Amino acid sequence: MKTVVCPAPEAVSAAAERLLEGIERDPAAVLVCSAADDELLVLRALSAAAKERGVSLEELRVFAACEFDGLAPGDVRSARSRIAAALSGSGLREERLFAPSAADCEGYESALREAGGAALALLGLGYNARVAFNEPATPFAGACHVQKLTDKTRAEFAALFGAAEEVPEKGVTLGFRALCAARDIVVIALGGERSEAVFQTLYARDDSVWPGAFLQIPASVTLWADPAAAAKL
């Protein structure tokens, strides 16, 4: 895993540039991405960079890595809505943006495979090194599944929902089997709250105690972290 430590604006810009390079090589590529705050910064930068360079994302296919369970369709707090908002103005077509649901986990993973699998993945790290909604003790070989969210994860999203107790208790997530199959994986981690997660992602055993450590397995992974997130390295 390649690790780049630089100020947050540079990390966001560089991560977005890496994704844009992949899209320029294959405009119909499949991008799997999470929708936490760090990843949304990268998606906004991607949209801006694409517009500046005259690159349309109309052929891009985007699969949300995870989604909150039980939100009404179109809820602005959903991963699908947040990704769409971050990429607004990029040319991305609504019908080419997908998100998982508890009702059809198997179908979602099948749709990703039928699309050719992920060429690109944009992922973040939760405070407990969660990746998407793969919490500690999630096995590497797990498929798309419904996941009970930890108190720590629900606290991360408290501002989005108004309070931690208002955050849905469960989420739906692609498993590591699908995420780590992406041919180029971009990981973004910003802020001191993620310093332990960054350290464990790089140095823990890949045994699911610290889920991010599974990202040691794929061949092409680049982690961009700001100095605060890298403080324990």
Foldseek 3Di string as FASTA:
>chain_A
DAEAAAALVVLLLVLLVVVVVVCVVPLLAEEEEEQAPSLLSNLLSNLVVCVVVVHASCNYAYEYQKWAADDDPPPCLTRQNSSCVSNPNRNHDSVRYYYDYQVPQPVSVVVCVVSVAHQEYEWEAALLRDTRQQAFPRDQPDAWHKAFHDLSVLQSCCVVQVGSVRGHRIMTGGHNVRVLVHNAYEYEYEALSQQVLVVCLVDPDCPRNNPSVVNVPHDHYYYYYYCNSPVVD
